[in-house]
Amino acid sequence: MVIDSCIALLSLLAVSEPLIPEMIEHLAPRMGQAQLLKRLAREHLLIHQRGHLQNRGLFRLDSWFDLYGLIRACLKISGLWKRAERNYLDIKVEANEVILARLPAAFDGFRILQLTDLHADLHPDFVDAVRRVIEDVECDMVVVTGDFRTCTFGDHTGATAASIESLRDLPAPCYAVLGNHDFIGKVPLLEAAGIQFLLNESITLKRGGSELHFAGIDDPNYYQTHDFERALVGIPKDGCKVLFSHAPQTYLEAAQHGFDLQLSGHTHGGQICLPGGFVLVHDGSSPRRLLSGVWREGDMQGYTSRGTGASGLPVRLNCPAEVTVHTLRCSE
């Protein structure tokens, strides 16, 4: 029954018929059948509402008039447009050292390169900007914490191709989770290019007799198809574990489930901020203290990236784009 419902929804989403059985057989057991069905239903609804369902806070105004057009006009009139566009393409490499009490000694110095919110189809020069900034970065793992495309509905092939090109020739294995801008139909294409998604799933790395666990959940923001219990299957309760969650709003649940570290994006750090990085506009899904950089919830540490790309407009002010190297350290 669930499979038949999934097929019907995939047909409505204009997924080519030969891919339907393969996609369901491959994705439903990974994400969970109920979660896949929910995601497909919300994707279908998003198409018919032309993305407006995702507008929150000040972004709700975009349903009534061209909010991004107004922002563009203001930046150009003020003479800030060129500077803001240069900032967008000037991606910084940030370093974050994280001391984890339960990290096995064998993983001391383990480096995770985080990219997030690529929105890779927004600007023709973005792919080259990403490749330039990561070509000399040394790491043991790459993770992309969601939002590969700019729009929240419609054809994703251009963004998918740009994402694949941006992430070509990476220095380490690459993992990813989906964001609120992403349709699940892109997963087989990106995985064929070597980007392994964690769809309410986990992986375990081993060094000698030691283990380090990584779990990835589906988008908790718009789709709300994240499933901690499913993602934690097979992970020992006392094991050191890192969570990849597109949005930081899962911080309470993640801490309750005993994660040692959560890595997120989604907020863009505000993208256009006042001097000092003060966020002017955000969607209200997370407290301000979680919108950018290092934070803590109980025994769990967290980091919210300002994002590697940008949304809506290829601009940034007082909020540099970033890729982040997280170096894990033992407490002793």
Protein backbone atom coordinates (compact mmCIF):
# COMPACT_ATOMS: atom_id res chain seq x y z
CA MET A 1 0.00 0.00 0.00
CA VAL A 2 2.77 2.45 0.94
CA ILE A 3 4.75 1.56 -2.19
CA ASP A 4 1.68 2.13 -4.38
CA SER A 5 1.11 5.52 -2.73
CA CYS A 6 4.74 6.46 -3.30
CA ILE A 7 4.50 5.51 -6.97
CA ALA A 8 1.39 7.65 -7.38
CA LEU A 9 3.07 10.65 -5.81
CA LEU A 10 6.26 10.18 -7.81
CA SER A 11 4.15 10.16 -10.97
CA LEU A 12 2.59 13.46 -9.93
CA LEU A 13 6.10 14.84 -9.42
CA ALA A 14 6.92 13.95 -13.03
CA VAL A 15 9.65 11.47 -12.13
CA SER A 16 10.35 9.29 -15.14
CA GLU A 17 8.51 5.94 -14.92
CA PRO A 18 11.58 3.65 -15.24
CA LEU A 19 13.12 5.26 -12.13
CA ILE A 20 10.08 4.86 -9.90
CA PRO A 21 10.52 1.25 -8.66
CA GLU A 22 14.26 1.68 -8.30
CA MET A 23 13.93 4.88 -6.30
CA ILE A 24 11.33 3.43 -3.95
CA GLU A 25 13.20 0.19 -3.38
CA HIS A 26 16.40 2.11 -2.72
CA LEU A 27 15.15 5.05 -0.66
CA ALA A 28 12.15 3.81 1.36
CA PRO A 29 14.10 1.24 3.42
CA ARG A 30 16.72 3.87 4.15
CA MET A 31 14.60 6.87 5.10
CA GLY A 32 11.58 4.93 6.31
CA GLN A 33 8.45 4.37 4.23
CA ALA A 34 6.27 6.71 6.27
CA GLN A 35 8.86 9.48 6.12
CA LEU A 36 9.34 9.05 2.37
CA LEU A 37 5.59 9.22 1.79
CA LYS A 38 5.33 12.36 3.93
CA ARG A 39 8.22 14.00 2.07
CA LEU A 40 6.74 13.22 -1.35
CA ALA A 41 3.38 14.61 -0.30
CA ARG A 42 4.98 17.84 0.91
CA GLU A 43 7.06 18.12 -2.27
CA HIS A 44 3.89 17.78 -4.32
CA LEU A 45 2.13 20.44 -2.22
CA LEU A 46 5.12 22.76 -2.53
CA ILE A 47 4.97 22.57 -6.33
CA HIS A 48 1.31 23.59 -6.37
CA GLN A 49 1.90 26.42 -3.90
CA ARG A 50 5.01 27.54 -5.88
CA GLY A 51 7.19 27.47 -2.81
CA HIS A 52 5.19 29.92 -0.71
CA LEU A 53 4.59 27.34 2.02
CA GLN A 54 8.19 27.75 3.12
CA ASN A 55 8.05 31.51 3.63
CA ARG A 56 8.31 32.42 7.29
CA GLY A 57 8.83 35.61 9.24
CA LEU A 58 9.65 38.59 7.01
CA PHE A 59 10.00 36.17 4.09
CA ARG A 60 6.20 35.82 4.07
CA LEU A 61 6.13 39.17 2.31
CA ASP A 62 7.58 37.47 -0.76
CA SER A 63 4.15 35.94 -1.32
CA TRP A 64 2.76 39.43 -1.94
CA PHE A 65 5.55 41.24 -3.75
CA ASP A 66 9.11 40.73 -4.98
CA LEU A 67 11.02 40.93 -1.69
CA TYR A 68 14.35 40.01 -3.28
CA GLY A 69 13.78 42.60 -6.00
CA LEU A 70 13.36 45.23 -3.29
CA ILE A 71 16.56 44.11 -1.54
CA ARG A 72 18.43 44.18 -4.87
CA ALA A 73 17.19 47.70 -5.57
CA CYS A 74 18.22 48.91 -2.12
CA LEU A 75 21.71 47.46 -2.48
CA LYS A 76 22.19 49.03 -5.90
CA ILE A 77 20.85 52.43 -4.88
CA SER A 78 23.12 52.43 -1.83
CA GLY A 79 26.14 51.44 -3.92
CA LEU A 80 26.62 48.19 -1.97
CA TRP A 81 25.66 45.68 -4.66
CA LYS A 82 29.15 45.08 -6.12
CA ARG A 83 30.72 44.79 -2.70
CA ALA A 84 28.04 42.36 -1.55
CA GLU A 85 28.49 40.24 -4.68
CA ARG A 86 32.29 40.13 -4.17
CA ASN A 87 31.71 39.02 -0.59
CA TYR A 88 29.48 36.18 -1.82
CA LEU A 89 32.26 34.78 -4.01
CA ASP A 90 35.00 35.35 -1.38
CA ILE A 91 34.48 32.12 0.55
CA LYS A 92 36.46 31.86 3.79
CA VAL A 93 37.98 28.73 5.35
CA GLU A 94 37.03 28.68 9.02
CA ALA A 95 38.69 26.46 11.62
CA ASN A 96 36.80 25.01 14.57
CA GLU A 97 38.50 22.79 17.13
CA VAL A 98 36.11 20.64 19.13
CA ILE A 99 37.13 18.81 22.29
CA LEU A 100 34.91 15.76 22.81
CA ALA A 101 35.03 13.85 26.08
CA ARG A 102 34.07 10.53 24.48
CA LEU A 103 36.25 10.79 21.37
CA PRO A 104 38.49 7.71 21.08
CA ALA A 105 42.21 8.52 21.04
CA ALA A 106 42.52 6.90 17.61
CA PHE A 107 40.37 9.70 16.16
CA ASP A 108 42.21 12.59 17.82
CA GLY A 109 42.80 15.15 15.06
CA PHE A 110 40.03 13.82 12.79
CA ARG A 111 39.02 16.63 10.41
CA ILE A 112 35.55 17.19 8.95
CA LEU A 113 35.21 19.68 6.10
CA GLN A 114 31.69 21.11 6.21
CA LEU A 115 30.00 22.83 3.30
CA THR A 116 26.36 23.82 3.44
CA ASP A 117 23.65 25.76 1.65
CA LEU A 118 25.44 25.68 -1.69
CA HIS A 119 22.42 26.88 -3.69
CA ALA A 120 24.83 26.02 -6.48
CA ASP A 121 22.78 27.35 -9.40
CA LEU A 122 22.53 30.94 -8.12
CA HIS A 123 25.62 32.42 -9.84
CA PRO A 124 27.75 31.23 -12.80
CA ASP A 125 31.03 31.87 -10.95
CA PHE A 126 30.07 29.98 -7.79
CA VAL A 127 31.36 26.56 -8.83
CA ASP A 128 34.86 27.88 -9.49
CA ALA A 129 34.82 29.83 -6.22
CA VAL A 130 34.05 26.65 -4.26
CA ARG A 131 36.65 24.58 -6.07
CA ARG A 132 39.33 27.20 -5.47
CA VAL A 133 38.69 27.41 -1.75
CA ILE A 134 38.64 23.66 -1.05
CA GLU A 135 41.39 22.47 -3.38
CA ASP A 136 44.12 22.80 -0.74
CA VAL A 137 42.05 21.85 2.32
CA GLU A 138 43.16 18.65 4.07
CA CYS A 139 40.48 16.59 5.79
CA ASP A 140 39.33 13.07 6.59
CA MET A 141 35.66 13.55 5.69
CA VAL A 142 33.52 16.03 3.75
CA VAL A 143 29.91 16.72 4.70
CA VAL A 144 27.33 18.90 2.93
CA THR A 145 24.55 19.79 5.35
CA GLY A 146 21.78 20.42 2.83
CA ASP A 147 20.30 22.90 0.34
CA PHE A 148 21.97 22.14 -2.96
CA ARG A 149 19.70 24.38 -5.06
CA THR A 150 18.28 27.90 -4.94
CA CYS A 151 14.56 27.34 -5.57
CA THR A 152 12.38 25.23 -3.31
CA PHE A 153 10.47 23.66 -6.23
CA GLY A 154 10.82 23.06 -9.95
CA ASP A 155 13.56 21.47 -12.02
CA HIS A 156 16.69 20.69 -10.01
CA THR A 157 18.95 19.37 -12.79
CA GLY A 158 20.97 22.58 -13.21
CA ALA A 159 21.65 22.86 -9.50
CA THR A 160 22.46 19.16 -9.28
CA ALA A 161 24.99 19.43 -12.12
CA ALA A 162 26.56 22.52 -10.52
CA SER A 163 26.74 20.72 -7.15
CA ILE A 164 28.46 17.73 -8.70
CA GLU A 165 30.99 19.97 -10.42
CA SER A 166 31.61 21.95 -7.21
CA LEU A 167 32.29 18.74 -5.28
CA ARG A 168 34.41 17.02 -7.90
CA ASP A 169 37.85 15.69 -6.85
CA LEU A 170 37.28 16.06 -3.13
CA PRO A 171 40.16 15.11 -0.81
CA ALA A 172 38.03 12.70 1.27
CA PRO A 173 34.78 10.70 1.20
CA CYS A 174 31.72 12.96 0.99
CA TYR A 175 28.47 12.58 2.91
CA ALA A 176 25.37 14.76 2.84
CA VAL A 177 21.87 15.36 4.15
CA LEU A 178 18.93 16.99 2.40
CA GLY A 179 17.74 20.52 3.20
CA ASN A 180 14.42 22.28 2.90
CA HIS A 181 15.26 23.37 -0.68
CA ASP A 182 15.98 19.81 -1.82
CA PHE A 183 13.72 17.28 -3.51
CA ILE A 184 14.58 13.64 -2.91
CA GLY A 185 14.69 12.93 -6.65
CA LYS A 186 18.22 14.32 -6.79
CA VAL A 187 19.61 11.74 -4.37
CA PRO A 188 20.28 8.96 -6.93
CA LEU A 189 22.04 11.44 -9.24
CA LEU A 190 24.27 12.85 -6.53
CA GLU A 191 25.02 9.43 -5.08
CA ALA A 192 26.04 8.20 -8.52
CA ALA A 193 28.59 11.05 -8.44
CA GLY A 194 30.03 9.77 -5.16
CA ILE A 195 28.11 11.87 -2.60
CA GLN A 196 26.66 9.47 -0.02
CA PHE A 197 23.45 10.69 1.63
CA LEU A 198 22.43 9.86 5.17
CA LEU A 199 18.63 9.69 5.06
CA ASN A 200 17.87 9.05 8.73
CA GLU A 201 20.90 6.78 8.62
CA SER A 202 24.30 6.40 10.20
CA ILE A 203 27.81 5.27 9.36
CA THR A 204 30.54 4.04 11.65
CA LEU A 205 34.24 4.61 11.04
CA LYS A 206 36.76 2.30 12.63
CA ARG A 207 40.39 2.83 13.52
CA GLY A 208 41.94 -0.16 15.17
CA GLY A 209 39.45 -1.24 17.80
CA SER A 210 37.88 2.21 18.14
CA GLU A 211 34.70 3.56 16.54
CA LEU A 212 33.33 7.00 15.68
CA HIS A 213 29.68 7.29 14.67
CA PHE A 214 28.01 9.76 12.31
CA ALA A 215 24.24 10.11 11.87
CA GLY A 216 22.37 12.18 9.30
CA ILE A 217 18.70 13.09 9.48
CA ASP A 218 16.34 14.31 6.81
CA ASP A 219 15.20 17.94 6.77
CA PRO A 220 13.65 18.96 10.11
CA ASN A 221 12.60 22.41 8.89
CA TYR A 222 9.93 22.30 6.18
CA TYR A 223 9.62 18.56 5.53
CA GLN A 224 9.95 17.50 9.17
CA THR A 225 10.87 14.00 8.05
CA HIS A 226 13.78 13.57 10.46
CA ASP A 227 13.80 10.38 12.51
CA PHE A 228 16.34 10.18 15.33
CA GLU A 229 15.42 6.65 16.38
CA ARG A 230 16.00 5.33 12.87
CA ALA A 231 19.25 7.25 12.47
CA LEU A 232 20.57 5.88 15.77
CA VAL A 233 19.97 2.22 14.95
CA GLY A 234 23.21 0.31 15.50
CA ILE A 235 24.98 3.11 17.39
CA PRO A 236 25.94 2.20 20.98
CA LYS A 237 24.36 4.50 23.54
CA ASP A 238 27.75 5.38 25.02
CA GLY A 239 29.48 5.76 21.64
CA CYS A 240 30.89 9.09 20.46
CA LYS A 241 28.48 10.36 17.83
CA VAL A 242 28.20 13.35 15.52
CA LEU A 243 24.90 14.54 14.02
CA PHE A 244 24.46 16.13 10.60
CA SER A 245 21.20 18.11 10.59
CA HIS A 246 20.40 20.71 7.95
CA ALA A 247 18.78 23.09 10.45
CA PRO A 248 20.03 23.69 14.01
CA GLN A 249 16.46 23.58 15.38
CA THR A 250 16.96 19.91 16.32
CA TYR A 251 19.36 20.93 19.09
CA LEU A 252 17.10 19.89 21.99
CA GLU A 253 16.26 16.49 20.52
CA ALA A 254 19.87 15.88 19.54
CA ALA A 255 21.10 16.65 23.05
CA GLN A 256 18.44 14.39 24.55
CA HIS A 257 19.57 11.56 22.28
CA GLY A 258 23.13 11.86 23.54
CA PHE A 259 24.93 13.33 20.55
CA ASP A 260 28.33 14.81 21.26
CA LEU A 261 28.35 17.27 18.35
CA GLN A 262 25.80 18.67 15.90
CA LEU A 263 26.79 20.32 12.60
CA SER A 264 24.15 22.40 10.80
CA GLY A 265 23.52 25.18 8.29
CA HIS A 266 20.22 26.59 6.98
CA THR A 267 20.43 30.03 8.62
CA HIS A 268 23.09 31.52 6.31
CA GLY A 269 24.17 33.39 9.43
CA GLY A 270 21.69 36.04 8.30
CA GLN A 271 23.46 36.58 4.94
CA ILE A 272 22.90 40.35 5.07
CA CYS A 273 23.82 41.55 8.55
CA LEU A 274 24.65 44.69 10.45
CA PRO A 275 28.31 45.37 11.29
CA GLY A 276 29.49 42.80 13.80
CA GLY A 277 27.39 40.11 12.17
CA PHE A 278 24.12 41.01 13.90
CA VAL A 279 21.38 39.08 12.11
CA LEU A 280 18.59 41.25 10.75
CA VAL A 281 16.25 38.59 9.36
CA HIS A 282 15.84 34.86 10.06
CA ASP A 283 12.97 32.41 9.85
CA GLY A 284 12.51 32.07 13.60
CA SER A 285 13.01 28.30 13.63
CA SER A 286 16.00 28.50 16.00
CA PRO A 287 17.06 30.80 18.85
CA ARG A 288 19.46 33.60 17.93
CA ARG A 289 22.32 31.93 19.80
CA LEU A 290 22.20 29.07 17.27
CA LEU A 291 22.20 31.16 14.09
CA SER A 292 25.96 31.24 13.53
CA GLY A 293 29.13 29.68 14.87
CA VAL A 294 29.81 27.68 18.03
CA TRP A 295 27.09 26.91 20.57
CA ARG A 296 26.29 24.39 23.28
CA GLU A 297 23.21 22.61 24.57
CA GLY A 298 23.87 20.68 27.78
CA ASP A 299 26.70 18.24 27.15
CA MET A 300 26.37 18.56 23.37
CA GLN A 301 28.41 21.01 21.34
CA GLY A 302 27.17 22.50 18.10
CA TYR A 303 28.19 24.57 15.13
CA THR A 304 25.99 26.43 12.66
CA SER A 305 27.75 27.41 9.46
CA ARG A 306 27.04 30.79 7.85
CA GLY A 307 26.73 28.83 4.60
CA THR A 308 28.93 28.38 1.56
CA GLY A 309 26.53 29.93 -0.94
CA ALA A 310 23.59 32.29 -0.64
CA SER A 311 19.86 32.24 -1.16
CA GLY A 312 17.67 34.52 -3.24
CA LEU A 313 20.45 36.90 -4.26
CA PRO A 314 24.20 36.28 -4.74
CA VAL A 315 25.15 38.78 -2.04
CA ARG A 316 26.53 38.90 1.49
CA LEU A 317 27.19 41.77 3.87
CA ASN A 318 28.96 41.51 7.24
CA CYS A 319 28.46 37.75 6.99
CA PRO A 320 31.21 35.97 5.01
CA ALA A 321 30.50 32.75 3.16
CA GLU A 322 32.39 29.82 4.64
CA VAL A 323 33.59 26.27 4.47
CA THR A 324 34.58 24.95 7.87
CA VAL A 325 37.23 22.50 9.01
CA HIS A 326 36.16 20.92 12.29
CA THR A 327 39.08 19.23 14.04
CA LEU A 328 38.02 16.72 16.68
CA ARG A 329 40.19 16.46 19.77
CA CYS A 330 40.23 14.18 22.78
CA SER A 331 39.71 15.74 26.19
CA GLU A 332 42.96 14.21 27.49
